[in-house]
Protein backbone atom coordinates (compact mmCIF):
# COMPACT_ATOMS: atom_id res chain seq x y z
CA UNK A 1 24.44 70.87 134.38
CA UNK A 2 25.80 73.31 131.81
CA UNK A 3 27.69 75.22 134.53
CA UNK A 4 29.40 72.09 135.85
CA UNK A 5 30.04 70.59 132.42
CA UNK A 6 31.55 73.72 130.88
CA UNK A 7 33.78 74.39 133.86
CA UNK A 8 34.85 70.77 134.29
CA UNK A 9 35.73 70.22 130.65
CA UNK A 10 37.50 73.55 130.48
CA UNK A 11 39.65 72.78 133.53
CA UNK A 12 40.25 69.26 132.27
CA UNK A 13 41.79 70.74 129.17
CA UNK A 14 44.06 73.02 131.16
CA UNK A 15 45.15 70.34 133.60
CA UNK A 16 45.90 67.87 130.84
CA UNK A 17 47.80 70.60 129.02
CA UNK A 18 49.97 70.94 132.10
CA UNK A 19 50.34 67.18 132.06
CA UNK A 20 52.25 67.61 128.82
CA UNK A 21 55.36 67.85 130.94
CA UNK A 22 54.52 65.30 133.50
CA UNK A 23 54.14 61.65 132.53
CA UNK A 24 56.07 58.88 130.85
CA UNK A 25 59.28 56.90 131.16
CA UNK A 26 62.26 57.66 133.34
CA UNK A 27 65.10 55.53 131.96
CA UNK A 28 68.20 57.69 131.60
CA UNK A 29 70.15 54.79 130.17
CA UNK A 30 67.66 54.42 127.37
CA UNK A 31 67.71 58.15 126.64
CA UNK A 32 71.50 58.03 126.39
CA UNK A 33 71.25 55.11 124.02
CA UNK A 34 68.88 57.07 121.80
CA UNK A 35 71.19 60.09 121.85
CA UNK A 36 74.23 58.09 120.82
CA UNK A 37 72.41 56.63 117.82
CA UNK A 38 70.93 59.92 116.56
CA UNK A 39 73.88 61.34 114.62
CA UNK A 40 71.91 62.21 111.51
CA UNK A 41 69.79 65.15 112.72
CA UNK A 42 68.99 67.78 110.15
CA UNK A 43 70.49 70.61 112.24
CA UNK A 44 74.08 69.44 112.33
CA UNK A 45 76.08 67.51 114.87
CA UNK A 46 76.44 70.39 117.38
CA UNK A 47 72.67 71.00 117.43
CA UNK A 48 71.89 67.33 117.98
CA UNK A 49 74.55 67.02 120.68
CA UNK A 50 73.15 70.04 122.54
CA UNK A 51 69.66 68.54 122.58
CA UNK A 52 71.02 65.14 123.55
CA UNK A 53 72.81 66.70 126.54
CA UNK A 54 69.63 68.48 127.61
CA UNK A 55 67.57 65.29 127.23
CA UNK A 56 70.06 63.34 129.33
CA UNK A 57 70.24 66.02 132.03
CA UNK A 58 66.48 66.26 132.24
CA UNK A 59 66.02 62.48 132.42
CA UNK A 60 66.86 62.54 136.14
CA UNK A 61 64.45 65.38 136.94
CA UNK A 62 61.27 64.40 138.75
CA UNK A 63 59.46 67.68 139.37
CA UNK A 64 59.33 71.34 138.38
CA UNK A 65 57.50 74.63 138.75
CA UNK A 66 55.66 75.69 135.58
CA UNK A 67 53.55 78.39 134.03
CA UNK A 68 52.03 78.50 130.61
CA UNK A 69 49.37 79.51 128.15
CA UNK A 70 47.27 77.74 125.59
CA UNK A 71 45.44 79.13 122.58
CA UNK A 72 42.93 76.70 121.08
CA UNK A 73 39.42 76.62 119.58
CA UNK A 74 36.70 76.94 122.19
CA UNK A 75 35.73 73.29 121.72
CA UNK A 76 39.29 72.34 122.76
CA UNK A 77 39.46 74.60 125.81
CA UNK A 78 39.88 78.10 124.40
CA UNK A 79 42.52 80.54 125.63
CA UNK A 80 43.82 79.61 129.08
CA UNK A 81 46.66 80.37 131.51
CA UNK A 82 48.06 78.18 134.24
CA UNK A 83 50.79 78.05 136.87
CA UNK A 84 51.79 75.65 139.61
CA UNK A 85 54.05 72.77 140.54
CA UNK A 86 54.07 69.17 139.38
CA UNK A 87 55.86 65.91 140.03
CA UNK A 88 55.92 62.90 137.70
CA UNK A 89 57.63 60.39 139.99
CA UNK A 90 56.28 57.86 139.33
CA UNK A 91 52.89 59.31 138.27
CA UNK A 92 51.54 62.82 137.84
CA UNK A 93 50.90 64.86 140.98
CA UNK A 94 50.08 68.52 140.46
CA UNK A 95 48.77 71.65 142.13
CA UNK A 96 48.04 74.70 140.03
CA UNK A 97 45.83 77.75 139.45
CA UNK A 98 44.19 78.33 136.10
CA UNK A 99 42.03 80.98 134.49
CA UNK A 100 40.40 81.71 131.16
CA UNK A 101 38.94 79.32 128.59
CA UNK A 102 35.51 77.89 129.22
CA UNK A 103 35.81 79.05 132.80
CA UNK A 104 35.90 82.73 131.87
CA UNK A 105 32.54 82.58 130.09
CA UNK A 106 30.73 80.48 132.69
CA UNK A 107 28.43 82.56 134.96
CA UNK A 108 29.05 81.91 138.65
CA UNK A 109 32.49 80.39 138.22
CA UNK A 110 35.45 81.97 140.06
CA UNK A 111 37.97 84.03 138.13
CA UNK A 112 40.68 81.54 139.08
CA UNK A 113 40.31 77.88 139.91
CA UNK A 114 42.67 75.92 142.15
CA UNK A 115 43.36 72.46 140.72
CA UNK A 116 44.87 69.45 142.44
CA UNK A 117 45.78 66.31 140.51
CA UNK A 118 46.42 63.04 142.35
CA UNK A 119 46.38 59.51 140.88
CA UNK A 120 44.69 60.77 137.68
CA UNK A 121 41.84 62.30 139.67
CA UNK A 122 41.47 66.04 139.21
CA UNK A 123 40.00 68.18 141.99
CA UNK A 124 38.76 71.67 141.06
CA UNK A 125 37.77 74.30 143.61
CA UNK A 126 34.60 75.74 142.13
CA UNK A 127 33.98 78.32 144.88
CA UNK A 128 31.19 79.22 147.28
CA UNK A 129 28.48 79.82 144.67
CA UNK A 130 28.92 76.27 143.41
CA UNK A 131 29.11 74.94 146.98
CA UNK A 132 25.89 76.70 147.93
CA UNK A 133 24.06 74.62 145.33
CA UNK A 134 25.86 71.39 146.20
CA UNK A 135 25.33 71.00 149.97
CA UNK A 136 28.46 72.94 150.78
CA UNK A 137 30.73 70.89 148.53
CA UNK A 138 32.93 73.46 146.80
CA UNK A 139 35.26 70.96 145.10
CA UNK A 140 34.37 69.07 141.94
CA UNK A 141 36.35 65.89 141.20
CA UNK A 142 36.86 64.13 137.88
CA UNK A 143 38.33 60.66 137.57
CA UNK A 144 39.70 61.00 134.02
CA UNK A 145 40.15 57.23 133.58
CA UNK A 146 36.52 56.61 134.53
CA UNK A 147 35.21 59.42 132.32
CA UNK A 148 37.18 58.19 129.29
CA UNK A 149 36.10 54.59 129.94
CA UNK A 150 32.43 55.47 130.10
CA UNK A 151 32.63 57.55 126.95
CA UNK A 152 34.43 54.73 125.19
CA UNK A 153 31.86 52.17 126.28
CA UNK A 154 29.15 54.46 124.96
CA UNK A 155 30.75 54.17 121.53
CA UNK A 156 31.80 57.82 121.45
CA UNK A 157 35.58 57.91 121.07
CA UNK A 158 35.42 61.58 120.08
CA UNK A 159 33.83 62.42 123.45
CA UNK A 160 36.39 60.30 125.27
CA UNK A 161 39.16 62.14 123.49
CA UNK A 162 37.62 65.54 124.17
CA UNK A 163 37.25 64.79 127.88
CA UNK A 164 40.87 63.76 128.16
CA UNK A 165 42.19 66.37 125.71
CA UNK A 166 44.27 63.68 124.02
CA UNK A 167 46.10 62.60 127.17
CA UNK A 168 47.93 59.90 125.23
CA UNK A 169 49.45 62.46 122.88
CA UNK A 170 50.79 64.58 125.73
CA UNK A 171 52.38 61.77 127.71
CA UNK A 172 55.83 63.32 127.80
CA UNK A 173 58.15 64.70 130.46
CA UNK A 174 60.60 67.45 129.38
CA UNK A 175 63.25 64.90 128.38
CA UNK A 176 60.72 63.13 126.19
CA UNK A 177 59.66 66.41 124.59
CA UNK A 178 63.26 66.87 123.49
CA UNK A 179 63.36 63.26 122.38
CA UNK A 180 60.39 64.07 120.14
CA UNK A 181 62.27 67.10 118.78
CA UNK A 182 65.33 64.94 118.13
CA UNK A 183 63.21 62.87 115.78
CA UNK A 184 62.73 65.92 113.56
CA UNK A 185 64.66 65.54 110.33
CA UNK A 186 64.85 69.31 109.95
CA UNK A 187 65.91 70.32 113.47
CA UNK A 188 67.81 73.58 113.60
CA UNK A 189 69.30 76.07 116.05
CA UNK A 190 67.41 79.35 115.81
CA UNK A 191 69.90 81.31 117.86
CA UNK A 192 70.63 82.75 121.31
CA UNK A 193 67.78 84.48 123.15
CA UNK A 194 67.21 85.99 126.59
CA UNK A 195 64.11 84.82 128.47
CA UNK A 196 63.36 86.83 131.62
CA UNK A 197 67.04 87.53 132.01
CA UNK A 198 68.11 83.92 131.38
CA UNK A 199 70.40 83.33 128.40
CA UNK A 200 69.15 80.44 126.29
CA UNK A 201 69.69 78.65 123.00
CA UNK A 202 66.56 78.26 120.88
CA UNK A 203 66.01 75.09 118.80
CA UNK A 204 63.11 74.27 116.50
CA UNK A 205 61.82 71.45 114.36
CA UNK A 206 58.75 69.75 112.91
CA UNK A 207 57.78 66.17 113.75
CA UNK A 208 55.32 64.15 111.69
CA UNK A 209 53.54 60.95 112.68
CA UNK A 210 56.11 59.04 110.62
CA UNK A 211 58.98 60.80 112.43
CA UNK A 212 57.51 59.92 115.81
CA UNK A 213 57.76 56.20 115.13
CA UNK A 214 61.13 56.33 113.32
CA UNK A 215 63.03 54.18 115.77
CA UNK A 216 66.28 54.42 113.83
CA UNK A 217 66.52 58.08 114.78
CA UNK A 218 66.71 57.22 118.46
CA UNK A 219 64.59 60.12 119.76
CA UNK A 220 61.12 59.70 121.17
CA UNK A 221 61.09 55.95 120.55
CA UNK A 222 63.98 55.53 123.00
CA UNK A 223 62.27 57.70 125.64
CA UNK A 224 58.79 56.18 125.38
CA UNK A 225 57.75 52.55 125.56
CA UNK A 226 56.41 50.80 122.48
CA UNK A 227 52.85 51.02 123.87
CA UNK A 228 53.24 54.73 124.56
CA UNK A 229 54.46 55.37 121.04
CA UNK A 230 51.41 53.51 119.67
CA UNK A 231 49.13 55.61 121.89
CA UNK A 232 50.87 58.78 120.78
CA UNK A 233 50.39 57.94 117.08
CA UNK A 234 46.78 56.80 117.58
CA UNK A 235 45.91 60.01 119.42
CA UNK A 236 47.58 62.14 116.76
CA UNK A 237 45.62 60.38 114.04
CA UNK A 238 42.34 60.54 115.94
CA UNK A 239 42.70 64.27 116.53
CA UNK A 240 43.75 64.87 112.93
CA UNK A 241 47.28 65.92 113.94
CA UNK A 242 49.64 65.39 111.05
CA UNK A 243 52.66 67.01 112.63
CA UNK A 244 53.93 69.08 115.59
CA UNK A 245 56.01 72.28 115.37
CA UNK A 246 58.23 72.13 118.44
CA UNK A 247 60.47 74.87 119.88
CA UNK A 248 62.76 74.36 122.90
CA UNK A 249 64.84 76.92 124.78
CA UNK A 250 67.78 75.48 126.74
CA UNK A 251 69.75 77.37 129.41
CA UNK A 252 73.48 77.28 130.20
CA UNK A 253 72.92 74.26 132.46
CA UNK A 254 71.49 72.26 129.56
CA UNK A 255 67.99 72.34 131.01
CA UNK A 256 64.82 73.16 129.04
CA UNK A 257 63.37 76.39 130.39
CA UNK A 258 60.62 76.76 127.79
CA UNK A 259 58.83 74.46 125.35
CA UNK A 260 56.31 75.53 122.71
CA UNK A 261 54.22 73.17 120.58
CA UNK A 262 51.74 74.03 117.87
CA UNK A 263 49.64 71.74 115.69
CA UNK A 264 46.38 71.53 113.78
CA UNK A 265 43.53 69.34 114.99
CA UNK A 266 40.06 68.55 113.67
CA UNK A 267 38.79 71.35 115.95
CA UNK A 268 41.32 73.86 114.66
CA UNK A 269 44.85 75.08 115.48
CA UNK A 270 46.30 74.63 118.97
CA UNK A 271 49.37 76.32 120.43
CA UNK A 272 50.72 76.02 123.94
CA UNK A 273 53.79 77.26 125.68
CA UNK A 274 55.12 76.02 129.01
CA UNK A 275 57.97 77.55 131.02
CA UNK A 276 59.83 75.50 133.61
CA UNK A 277 61.81 76.53 136.69
CA UNK A 278 62.91 75.21 140.08
CA UNK A 279 63.54 71.68 138.85
CA UNK A 280 63.26 68.94 141.49
CA UNK A 281 61.25 71.21 143.77
CA UNK A 282 59.33 69.53 146.59
CA UNK A 283 55.73 68.75 145.61
CA UNK A 284 53.24 67.68 148.28
CA UNK A 285 49.58 67.66 147.25
CA UNK A 286 46.70 66.43 149.36
CA UNK A 287 43.18 65.66 148.25
CA UNK A 288 40.47 67.98 149.64
CA UNK A 289 38.36 66.69 152.57
CA UNK A 290 35.99 64.04 151.24
CA UNK A 291 32.91 65.78 152.62
CA UNK A 292 33.74 68.86 150.57
CA UNK A 293 34.03 67.01 147.22
CA UNK A 294 31.34 66.27 144.64
CA UNK A 295 32.15 63.67 141.97
CA UNK A 296 31.41 64.83 138.44
CA UNK A 297 29.71 61.53 137.53
CA UNK A 298 27.55 61.76 140.66
CA UNK A 299 26.54 65.26 139.64
CA UNK A 300 25.42 64.05 136.23
CA UNK A 301 23.51 61.11 137.76
CA UNK A 302 21.72 63.40 140.25
CA UNK A 303 20.60 65.60 137.36
CA UNK A 304 19.35 62.62 135.39
CA UNK A 305 21.98 63.18 132.70
CA UNK A 306 24.48 60.94 131.00
CA UNK A 307 27.98 61.70 129.76
């Protein structure tokens, strides 16, 4: 059980980290409305206009290639790397490879794990050693909605949050991440930087819980629905997150090529960085053959364990 639990929760953290860029609204008209109203940013009119342009351009994007890293306390997933492709039209679909974190310290687990995400069900290829113990089923599936629901019904919201790694708080596509940054009262342009040969402009800011719900600034509250904003704030409060430090690098086409967020949680500090490329790339992900998949909840039941 410890093998499956440690690997599954570790990969859940990585996959949900990748989901940072992948969910949420898609209304370009609303994002434009928010941009036109946000003339009071702390970084000056040119800085705000640059981020508004990037938010508007990105509002029509529906997929991207990504790679990233996360540094977090072991209880929140540890140090992990990931790369793959994702689509968020209309819901998250993703295929990626990840390594590190809980996975790296779990005996018998592969060095790298292939992950597929379809309809909020995550499939993880655990390799032949896992399959040998599970009647040849090398894939482990986790229905994140079901896991969170069961944990919630058990009266353990902390477990539910840990298993979903605060999915509500990462419900943002790249345009919404910039909308969140636009709600920073102290947003500023750091300067021009070259990232892997790409010339970019670097912007930074800090967003508090109060900033995130400041509708008069026209940032995240114009790019997320009212319910999503409430979920964002509730998740921030539950995880002990008082504010986010957000950095965005924008290329000459007004597209975000890198986003970095850092924040403190009840488990400790978390920092992740995601790089985007090949926007609107084709993403076609299929679930593994059913006879090769073991459901995580079934595994727990077979072992006489409960979540």
